[in-house]
Structure formats: C-alpha cells, structure tokens
C-alpha cells in the first residue's frame, strides 16, 4: 500500500471511529478496523451487526459453546 492509500485508509478509519464514538457504540478502534475489513471482504454487514450484538451478551456456557459458534457461522454465511 502506498503512502497516499495508507493515509486515506487511516483517515477513513478515524472518521468511522469518530462516528462510532458519537453513536456511543462501545466498539474500540481495533474492532472497528476488523469489522470494516470483513465488510471489504464481502461479509454481510447486517450479519456482522448480529454477531456483535450476540457477543455483547453474557458469554455462553461451555455446553452451548459449539451451538453458539455454529450460529455465528450461519450469520456470517461461513
């Protein structure tokens, strides 16, 4: 990535992070960067939102961990 493209990407992330903070989303900069990268790779943004909401809930018990992971895979279309 050349310097101009890197600068543009950094500015875009800065803007998205600022908007995230204004909306009080609670998403940190690194997580936002990962979510944006997943969207760039073609992952459905609505599916990502559903996964983020689910992750914010209480962590699943060990018995339901595999079921929970399978549902995340379904949301993401994996």
PDB file of N, CA and C in Angstrom:
ATOM      1  N   UNK A   1       0.861  -1.174   0.000  1.00  0.00           N
ATOM      2  CA  UNK A   1       0.000   0.000   0.000  1.00  0.00           C
ATOM      3  C   UNK A   1       0.902   1.229   0.000  1.00  0.00           C
ATOM      4  N   UNK A   2       0.670   2.132  -0.944  1.00  0.00           N
ATOM      5  CA  UNK A   2       1.494   3.338  -0.984  1.00  0.00           C
ATOM      6  C   UNK A   2       1.091   4.293   0.146  1.00  0.00           C
ATOM      7  N   UNK A   3       1.889   5.328   0.329  1.00  0.00           N
ATOM      8  CA  UNK A   3       1.669   6.255   1.449  1.00  0.00           C
ATOM      9  C   UNK A   3       0.330   6.981   1.349  1.00  0.00           C
ATOM     10  N   UNK A   4      -0.054   7.365   0.151  1.00  0.00           N
ATOM     11  CA  UNK A   4      -1.326   8.079  -0.023  1.00  0.00           C
ATOM     12  C   UNK A   4      -2.511   7.174   0.317  1.00  0.00           C
ATOM     13  N   UNK A   5      -2.458   5.932  -0.142  1.00  0.00           N
ATOM     14  CA  UNK A   5      -3.535   4.985   0.161  1.00  0.00           C
ATOM     15  C   UNK A   5      -3.592   4.696   1.660  1.00  0.00           C
ATOM     16  N   UNK A   6      -2.432   4.579   2.290  1.00  0.00           N
ATOM     17  CA  UNK A   6      -2.384   4.338   3.739  1.00  0.00           C
ATOM     18  C   UNK A   6      -2.969   5.525   4.498  1.00  0.00           C
ATOM     19  N   UNK A   7      -2.657   6.728   4.045  1.00  0.00           N
ATOM     20  CA  UNK A   7      -3.179   7.933   4.695  1.00  0.00           C
ATOM     21  C   UNK A   7      -4.698   7.997   4.555  1.00  0.00           C
ATOM     22  N   UNK A   8      -5.187   7.707   3.360  1.00  0.00           N
ATOM     23  CA  UNK A   8      -6.632   7.723   3.122  1.00  0.00           C
ATOM     24  C   UNK A   8      -7.338   6.675   3.981  1.00  0.00           C
ATOM     25  N   UNK A   9      -6.760   5.480   4.068  1.00  0.00           N
ATOM     26  CA  UNK A   9      -7.349   4.418   4.892  1.00  0.00           C
ATOM     27  C   UNK A   9      -7.378   4.829   6.360  1.00  0.00           C
ATOM     28  N   UNK A  10      -6.299   5.437   6.831  1.00  0.00           N
ATOM     29  CA  UNK A  10      -6.219   5.889   8.229  1.00  0.00           C
ATOM     30  C   UNK A  10      -7.256   6.978   8.503  1.00  0.00           C
ATOM     31  N   UNK A  11      -7.398   7.919   7.570  1.00  0.00           N
ATOM     32  CA  UNK A  11      -8.390   8.986   7.732  1.00  0.00           C
ATOM     33  C   UNK A  11      -9.812   8.424   7.721  1.00  0.00           C
ATOM     34  N   UNK A  12     -10.060   7.443   6.868  1.00  0.00           N
ATOM     35  CA  UNK A  12     -11.386   6.814   6.817  1.00  0.00           C
ATOM     36  C   UNK A  12     -11.693   6.099   8.126  1.00  0.00           C
ATOM     37  N   UNK A  13     -10.703   5.394   8.666  1.00  0.00           N
ATOM     38  CA  UNK A  13     -10.892   4.713   9.949  1.00  0.00           C
ATOM     39  C   UNK A  13     -11.100   5.729  11.062  1.00  0.00           C
ATOM     40  N   UNK A  14     -10.344   6.828  11.028  1.00  0.00           N
ATOM     41  CA  UNK A  14     -10.525   7.889  12.032  1.00  0.00           C
ATOM     42  C   UNK A  14     -11.957   8.416  12.003  1.00  0.00           C
ATOM     43  N   UNK A  15     -12.479   8.664  10.809  1.00  0.00           N
ATOM     44  CA  UNK A  15     -13.840   9.176  10.667  1.00  0.00           C
ATOM     45  C   UNK A  15     -14.867   8.154  11.158  1.00  0.00           C
ATOM     46  N   UNK A  16     -14.693   6.901  10.760  1.00  0.00           N
ATOM     47  CA  UNK A  16     -15.622   5.850  11.199  1.00  0.00           C
ATOM     48  C   UNK A  16     -15.567   5.683  12.716  1.00  0.00           C
ATOM     49  N   UNK A  17     -14.372   5.772  13.298  1.00  0.00           N
ATOM     50  CA  UNK A  17     -14.233   5.641  14.748  1.00  0.00           C
ATOM     51  C   UNK A  17     -14.887   6.823  15.456  1.00  0.00           C
ATOM     52  N   UNK A  18     -14.727   8.013  14.892  1.00  0.00           N
ATOM     53  CA  UNK A  18     -15.379   9.190  15.475  1.00  0.00           C
ATOM     54  C   UNK A  18     -16.906   9.014  15.445  1.00  0.00           C
ATOM     55  N   UNK A  19     -17.435   8.562  14.318  1.00  0.00           N
ATOM     56  CA  UNK A  19     -18.877   8.330  14.214  1.00  0.00           C
ATOM     57  C   UNK A  19     -19.321   7.262  15.212  1.00  0.00           C
ATOM     58  N   UNK A  20     -18.519   6.226  15.369  1.00  0.00           N
ATOM     59  CA  UNK A  20     -18.822   5.165  16.324  1.00  0.00           C
ATOM     60  C   UNK A  20     -18.896   5.710  17.744  1.00  0.00           C
ATOM     61  N   UNK A  21     -17.978   6.619  18.066  1.00  0.00           N
ATOM     62  CA  UNK A  21     -17.979   7.227  19.402  1.00  0.00           C
ATOM     63  C   UNK A  21     -19.176   8.150  19.593  1.00  0.00           C
ATOM     64  N   UNK A  22     -19.508   8.927  18.570  1.00  0.00           N
ATOM     65  CA  UNK A  22     -20.670   9.821  18.651  1.00  0.00           C
ATOM     66  C   UNK A  22     -21.936   9.001  18.905  1.00  0.00           C
ATOM     67  N   UNK A  23     -22.019   7.836  18.271  1.00  0.00           N
ATOM     68  CA  UNK A  23     -23.176   6.955  18.438  1.00  0.00           C
ATOM     69  C   UNK A  23     -23.077   6.100  19.700  1.00  0.00           C
ATOM     70  N   UNK A  24     -21.984   6.260  20.437  1.00  0.00           N
ATOM     71  CA  UNK A  24     -21.757   5.525  21.687  1.00  0.00           C
ATOM     72  C   UNK A  24     -21.904   4.017  21.476  1.00  0.00           C
ATOM     73  N   UNK A  25     -21.256   3.516  20.428  1.00  0.00           N
ATOM     74  CA  UNK A  25     -21.368   2.098  20.082  1.00  0.00           C
ATOM     75  C   UNK A  25     -20.574   1.192  21.016  1.00  0.00           C
ATOM     76  N   UNK A  26     -19.539   1.743  21.648  1.00  0.00           N
ATOM     77  CA  UNK A  26     -18.705   0.929  22.523  1.00  0.00           C
ATOM     78  C   UNK A  26     -17.716   0.059  21.762  1.00  0.00           C
ATOM     79  N   UNK A  27     -17.588   0.287  20.473  1.00  0.00           N
ATOM     80  CA  UNK A  27     -16.657  -0.500  19.655  1.00  0.00           C
ATOM     81  C   UNK A  27     -15.309   0.205  19.638  1.00  0.00           C
ATOM     82  N   UNK A  28     -14.261  -0.539  20.008  1.00  0.00           N
ATOM     83  CA  UNK A  28     -12.932   0.071  20.017  1.00  0.00           C
ATOM     84  C   UNK A  28     -12.384   0.165  18.591  1.00  0.00           C
ATOM     85  N   UNK A  29     -11.317   0.912  18.457  1.00  0.00           N
ATOM     86  CA  UNK A  29     -10.741   1.197  17.133  1.00  0.00           C
ATOM     87  C   UNK A  29     -10.301  -0.079  16.412  1.00  0.00           C
ATOM     88  N   UNK A  30      -9.662  -0.980  17.131  1.00  0.00           N
ATOM     89  CA  UNK A  30      -9.181  -2.220  16.512  1.00  0.00           C
ATOM     90  C   UNK A  30     -10.356  -3.065  16.014  1.00  0.00           C
ATOM     91  N   UNK A  31     -11.376  -3.217  16.856  1.00  0.00           N
ATOM     92  CA  UNK A  31     -12.550  -4.000  16.467  1.00  0.00           C
ATOM     93  C   UNK A  31     -13.227  -3.382  15.252  1.00  0.00           C
ATOM     94  N   UNK A  32     -13.343  -2.071  15.251  1.00  0.00           N
ATOM     95  CA  UNK A  32     -13.937  -1.382  14.107  1.00  0.00           C
ATOM     96  C   UNK A  32     -13.129  -1.657  12.839  1.00  0.00           C
ATOM     97  N   UNK A  33     -11.824  -1.634  12.964  1.00  0.00           N
ATOM     98  CA  UNK A  33     -10.952  -1.918  11.827  1.00  0.00           C
ATOM     99  C   UNK A  33     -11.196  -3.331  11.290  1.00  0.00           C
ATOM    100  N   UNK A  34     -11.337  -4.296  12.193  1.00  0.00           N
ATOM    101  CA  UNK A  34     -11.607  -5.680  11.788  1.00  0.00           C
ATOM    102  C   UNK A  34     -12.971  -5.777  11.107  1.00  0.00           C
ATOM    103  N   UNK A  35     -13.976  -5.117  11.670  1.00  0.00           N
ATOM    104  CA  UNK A  35     -15.315  -5.151  11.077  1.00  0.00           C
ATOM    105  C   UNK A  35     -15.321  -4.542   9.675  1.00  0.00           C
ATOM    106  N   UNK A  36     -14.613  -3.438   9.509  1.00  0.00           N
ATOM    107  CA  UNK A  36     -14.524  -2.801   8.187  1.00  0.00           C
ATOM    108  C   UNK A  36     -13.824  -3.730   7.201  1.00  0.00           C
ATOM    109  N   UNK A  37     -12.738  -4.370   7.651  1.00  0.00           N
ATOM    110  CA  UNK A  37     -12.014  -5.301   6.779  1.00  0.00           C
ATOM    111  C   UNK A  37     -12.911  -6.465   6.358  1.00  0.00           C
ATOM    112  N   UNK A  38     -13.709  -6.981   7.292  1.00  0.00           N
ATOM    113  CA  UNK A  38     -14.628  -8.073   6.954  1.00  0.00           C
ATOM    114  C   UNK A  38     -15.665  -7.620   5.927  1.00  0.00           C
ATOM    115  N   UNK A  39     -16.173  -6.405   6.084  1.00  0.00           N
ATOM    116  CA  UNK A  39     -17.119  -5.863   5.094  1.00  0.00           C
ATOM    117  C   UNK A  39     -16.445  -5.732   3.732  1.00  0.00           C
ATOM    118  N   UNK A  40     -15.201  -5.269   3.731  1.00  0.00           N
ATOM    119  CA  UNK A  40     -14.452  -5.140   2.477  1.00  0.00           C
ATOM    120  C   UNK A  40     -14.257  -6.493   1.797  1.00  0.00           C
ATOM    121  N   UNK A  41     -14.226  -7.562   2.619  1.00  0.00           N
ATOM    122  CA  UNK A  41     -14.048  -8.916   2.081  1.00  0.00           C
ATOM    123  C   UNK A  41     -15.374  -9.532   1.647  1.00  0.00           C
ATOM    124  N   UNK A  42     -16.469  -8.778   1.820  1.00  0.00           N
ATOM    125  CA  UNK A  42     -17.752  -9.256   1.334  1.00  0.00           C
ATOM    126  C   UNK A  42     -18.689  -9.839   2.378  1.00  0.00           C
ATOM    127  N   UNK A  43     -18.294  -9.778   3.661  1.00  0.00           N
ATOM    128  CA  UNK A  43     -19.181 -10.285   4.712  1.00  0.00           C
ATOM    129  C   UNK A  43     -20.363  -9.328   4.849  1.00  0.00           C
ATOM    130  N   UNK A  44     -21.535  -9.880   5.009  1.00  0.00           N
ATOM    131  CA  UNK A  44     -22.764  -9.096   5.133  1.00  0.00           C
ATOM    132  C   UNK A  44     -22.712  -8.229   6.395  1.00  0.00           C
ATOM    133  N   UNK A  45     -22.811  -6.901   6.267  1.00  0.00           N
ATOM    134  CA  UNK A  45     -22.751  -6.008   7.434  1.00  0.00           C
ATOM    135  C   UNK A  45     -23.851  -6.271   8.454  1.00  0.00           C
ATOM    136  N   UNK A  46     -25.039  -6.654   7.988  1.00  0.00           N
ATOM    137  CA  UNK A  46     -26.123  -6.950   8.927  1.00  0.00           C
ATOM    138  C   UNK A  46     -25.807  -8.201   9.737  1.00  0.00           C
ATOM    139  N   UNK A  47     -25.164  -9.171   9.101  1.00  0.00           N
ATOM    140  CA  UNK A  47     -24.753 -10.377   9.822  1.00  0.00           C
ATOM    141  C   UNK A  47     -23.692 -10.032  10.860  1.00  0.00           C
ATOM    142  N   UNK A  48     -22.761  -9.161  10.492  1.00  0.00           N
ATOM    143  CA  UNK A  48     -21.743  -8.726  11.456  1.00  0.00           C
ATOM    144  C   UNK A  48     -22.380  -8.022  12.645  1.00  0.00           C
ATOM    145  N   UNK A  49     -23.357  -7.179  12.375  1.00  0.00           N
ATOM    146  CA  UNK A  49     -24.047  -6.476  13.459  1.00  0.00           C
ATOM    147  C   UNK A  49     -24.713  -7.475  14.398  1.00  0.00           C
ATOM    148  N   UNK A  50     -25.314  -8.514  13.843  1.00  0.00           N
ATOM    149  CA  UNK A  50     -25.954  -9.537  14.674  1.00  0.00           C
ATOM    150  C   UNK A  50     -24.927 -10.256  15.537  1.00  0.00           C
ATOM    151  N   UNK A  51     -23.760 -10.548  14.973  1.00  0.00           N
ATOM    152  CA  UNK A  51     -22.702 -11.213  15.736  1.00  0.00           C
ATOM    153  C   UNK A  51     -22.200 -10.300  16.853  1.00  0.00           C
ATOM    154  N   UNK A  52     -21.995  -9.024  16.552  1.00  0.00           N
ATOM    155  CA  UNK A  52     -21.530  -8.076  17.575  1.00  0.00           C
ATOM    156  C   UNK A  52     -22.543  -8.001  18.712  1.00  0.00           C
ATOM    157  N   UNK A  53     -23.819  -7.923  18.377  1.00  0.00           N
ATOM    158  CA  UNK A  53     -24.857  -7.883  19.415  1.00  0.00           C
ATOM    159  C   UNK A  53     -24.821  -9.143  20.264  1.00  0.00           C
ATOM    160  N   UNK A  54     -24.652 -10.288  19.618  1.00  0.00           N
ATOM    161  CA  UNK A  54     -24.612 -11.553  20.352  1.00  0.00           C
ATOM    162  C   UNK A  54     -23.376 -11.627  21.247  1.00  0.00           C
ATOM    163  N   UNK A  55     -22.256 -11.142  20.763  1.00  0.00           N
ATOM    164  CA  UNK A  55     -21.025 -11.166  21.560  1.00  0.00           C
ATOM    165  C   UNK A  55     -21.124 -10.275  22.787  1.00  0.00           C
ATOM    166  N   UNK A  56     -21.944  -9.262  22.725  1.00  0.00           N
ATOM    167  CA  UNK A  56     -22.098  -8.353  23.862  1.00  0.00           C
ATOM    168  C   UNK A  56     -22.946  -8.956  24.975  1.00  0.00           C
ATOM    169  N   UNK A  57     -23.671  -9.986  24.651  1.00  0.00           N
ATOM    170  CA  UNK A  57     -24.457 -10.674  25.675  1.00  0.00           C
ATOM    171  C   UNK A  57     -23.509 -11.441  26.584  1.00  0.00           C
ATOM    172  N   UNK A  58     -24.064 -12.002  27.610  1.00  0.00           N
ATOM    173  CA  UNK A  58     -23.268 -12.817  28.523  1.00  0.00           C
ATOM    174  C   UNK A  58     -22.635 -13.959  27.738  1.00  0.00           C
ATOM    175  N   UNK A  59     -21.359 -14.261  28.012  1.00  0.00           N
ATOM    176  CA  UNK A  59     -20.692 -15.344  27.279  1.00  0.00           C
ATOM    177  C   UNK A  59     -21.442 -16.666  27.463  1.00  0.00           C
ATOM    178  N   UNK A  60     -21.484 -17.475  26.410  1.00  0.00           N
ATOM    179  CA  UNK A  60     -22.199 -18.749  26.506  1.00  0.00           C
ATOM    180  C   UNK A  60     -21.493 -19.710  27.455  1.00  0.00           C
ATOM    181  N   UNK A  61     -22.251 -20.604  28.051  1.00  0.00           N
ATOM    182  CA  UNK A  61     -21.648 -21.627  28.902  1.00  0.00           C
ATOM    183  C   UNK A  61     -20.901 -22.607  28.019  1.00  0.00           C
ATOM    184  N   UNK A  62     -20.036 -23.402  28.614  1.00  0.00           N
ATOM    185  CA  UNK A  62     -19.222 -24.325  27.825  1.00  0.00           C
ATOM    186  C   UNK A  62     -20.082 -25.340  27.077  1.00  0.00           C
ATOM    187  N   UNK A  63     -21.268 -25.691  27.625  1.00  0.00           N
ATOM    188  CA  UNK A  63     -22.129 -26.668  26.954  1.00  0.00           C
ATOM    189  C   UNK A  63     -22.710 -26.106  25.657  1.00  0.00           C
ATOM    190  N   UNK A  64     -22.948 -24.813  25.628  1.00  0.00           N
ATOM    191  CA  UNK A  64     -23.584 -24.228  24.444  1.00  0.00           C
ATOM    192  C   UNK A  64     -22.582 -23.578  23.503  1.00  0.00           C
ATOM    193  N   UNK A  65     -21.307 -23.681  23.814  1.00  0.00           N
ATOM    194  CA  UNK A  65     -20.284 -23.002  23.025  1.00  0.00           C
ATOM    195  C   UNK A  65     -20.319 -23.419  21.556  1.00  0.00           C
ATOM    196  N   UNK A  66     -20.419 -24.721  21.281  1.00  0.00           N
ATOM    197  CA  UNK A  66     -20.420 -25.183  19.890  1.00  0.00           C
ATOM    198  C   UNK A  66     -21.672 -24.723  19.153  1.00  0.00           C
ATOM    199  N   UNK A  67     -22.809 -24.744  19.818  1.00  0.00           N
ATOM    200  CA  UNK A  67     -24.047 -24.260  19.206  1.00  0.00           C
ATOM    201  C   UNK A  67     -23.933 -22.785  18.879  1.00  0.00           C
ATOM    202  N   UNK A  68     -23.378 -22.022  19.812  1.00  0.00           N
ATOM    203  CA  UNK A  68     -23.201 -20.588  19.620  1.00  0.00           C
ATOM    204  C   UNK A  68     -22.271 -20.312  18.445  1.00  0.00           C
ATOM    205  N   UNK A  69     -21.151 -21.053  18.363  1.00  0.00           N
ATOM    206  CA  UNK A  69     -20.210 -20.856  17.263  1.00  0.00           C
ATOM    207  C   UNK A  69     -20.869 -21.211  15.931  1.00  0.00           C
ATOM    208  N   UNK A  70     -21.673 -22.255  15.910  1.00  0.00           N
ATOM    209  CA  UNK A  70     -22.361 -22.645  14.678  1.00  0.00           C
ATOM    210  C   UNK A  70     -23.336 -21.558  14.238  1.00  0.00           C
ATOM    211  N   UNK A  71     -24.006 -20.928  15.197  1.00  0.00           N
ATOM    212  CA  UNK A  71     -24.938 -19.863  14.819  1.00  0.00           C
ATOM    213  C   UNK A  71     -24.185 -18.656  14.272  1.00  0.00           C
ATOM    214  N   UNK A  72     -22.997 -18.365  14.811  1.00  0.00           N
ATOM    215  CA  UNK A  72     -22.179 -17.273  14.261  1.00  0.00           C
ATOM    216  C   UNK A  72     -21.777 -17.594  12.828  1.00  0.00           C
ATOM    217  N   UNK A  73     -21.380 -18.846  12.582  1.00  0.00           N
ATOM    218  CA  UNK A  73     -21.030 -19.258  11.223  1.00  0.00           C
ATOM    219  C   UNK A  73     -22.215 -19.074  10.280  1.00  0.00           C
ATOM    220  N   UNK A  74     -23.419 -19.407  10.758  1.00  0.00           N
ATOM    221  CA  UNK A  74     -24.619 -19.264   9.926  1.00  0.00           C
ATOM    222  C   UNK A  74     -24.863 -17.798   9.602  1.00  0.00           C
ATOM    223  N   UNK A  75     -24.731 -16.913  10.623  1.00  0.00           N
ATOM    224  CA  UNK A  75     -24.948 -15.482  10.397  1.00  0.00           C
ATOM    225  C   UNK A  75     -23.975 -14.929   9.370  1.00  0.00           C
ATOM    226  N   UNK A  76     -22.731 -15.399   9.452  1.00  0.00           N
ATOM    227  CA  UNK A  76     -21.704 -14.872   8.558  1.00  0.00           C
ATOM    228  C   UNK A  76     -21.697 -15.579   7.208  1.00  0.00           C
ATOM    229  N   UNK A  77     -22.462 -16.641   7.087  1.00  0.00           N
ATOM    230  CA  UNK A  77     -22.508 -17.372   5.829  1.00  0.00           C
ATOM    231  C   UNK A  77     -21.270 -18.194   5.588  1.00  0.00           C
ATOM    232  N   UNK A  78     -20.630 -18.644   6.686  1.00  0.00           N
ATOM    233  CA  UNK A  78     -19.392 -19.429   6.578  1.00  0.00           C
ATOM    234  C   UNK A  78     -19.726 -20.879   6.369  1.00  0.00           C
TER     235      UNK A  78
END
